[in-house]
């Protein structure tokens, strides 16, 4: 009975220690909790943790149009959180006299999509995941960028092409020379980054961008045809920035020490 008690105590203490080392959500944008929002919902705050988001590149005059940023939130079933999902629709809103929806093959690489900013102070092993739904005329090629200073943007390596998308490595003048995803039509759930470089650990100016990986002739829709520049959009949900607590609390360290001591005591009793 004594040995069983020691074993149970050791297991409990070490489980507590392991839980403290698990990946923890730093900031998340779950649009299911927000529900429908009208056009003009362009800067949503994080629904978990602290963070801000913004639309990129939708106010423009590409293709002889006049587009202004016009994001909204609408019911879009099929995200990784289930059939009742809502999504943040990234697009421009037509403005007189020549309206456009914002997305354009004339836009430079990395200039259209959305940005999400959240401090990673107190965390290491930073990772990112998100869901993206595509309409038939949506841009196919998506890349993930990150910043450590809020102004310089670097290409992130993607670890997963999601349920529909395909991981690819770009080359040439019209597609990013790095990791990107060729999105499929519909929900591309749980696109994930690899663990980001150590430079983003404990970074108050950390942010990510989910943006177009191609321009010009490479900027195609999800079927591989040339972008029509008049319709199509991305819809984003379940954006999660996560990490591991950088320094365990003193109480956690104490629990770990007690767990190790319990195991050592158990082993001594076994030899006795």
Foldseek 3Di string as FASTA:
>chain_A
DVLVVLVVLLVVLVVLLVVLQDKDFQFKAFCLVVEWFFWPPAWDFTPPHGKIKGWFQQQDCPPNFGWAWTKIKHAAADEPVGGRGIWIWGWTAFDPPGTATGDALADAFPGGAMKMWGFQAQFAQKKKWWKKAKAQLAWFKKFKWKDQAQPDIDGFAWDDLAPAWDWDADDDDFFDRGIIIGGAHTMRYTGMTGRDDRSRHNGRGMMMGITGGGHDPCGGGSVRHRRPRHDMTMIIRTITIIGRRPDDDPVSVVSNVSSVVSVVVSVVVVVD
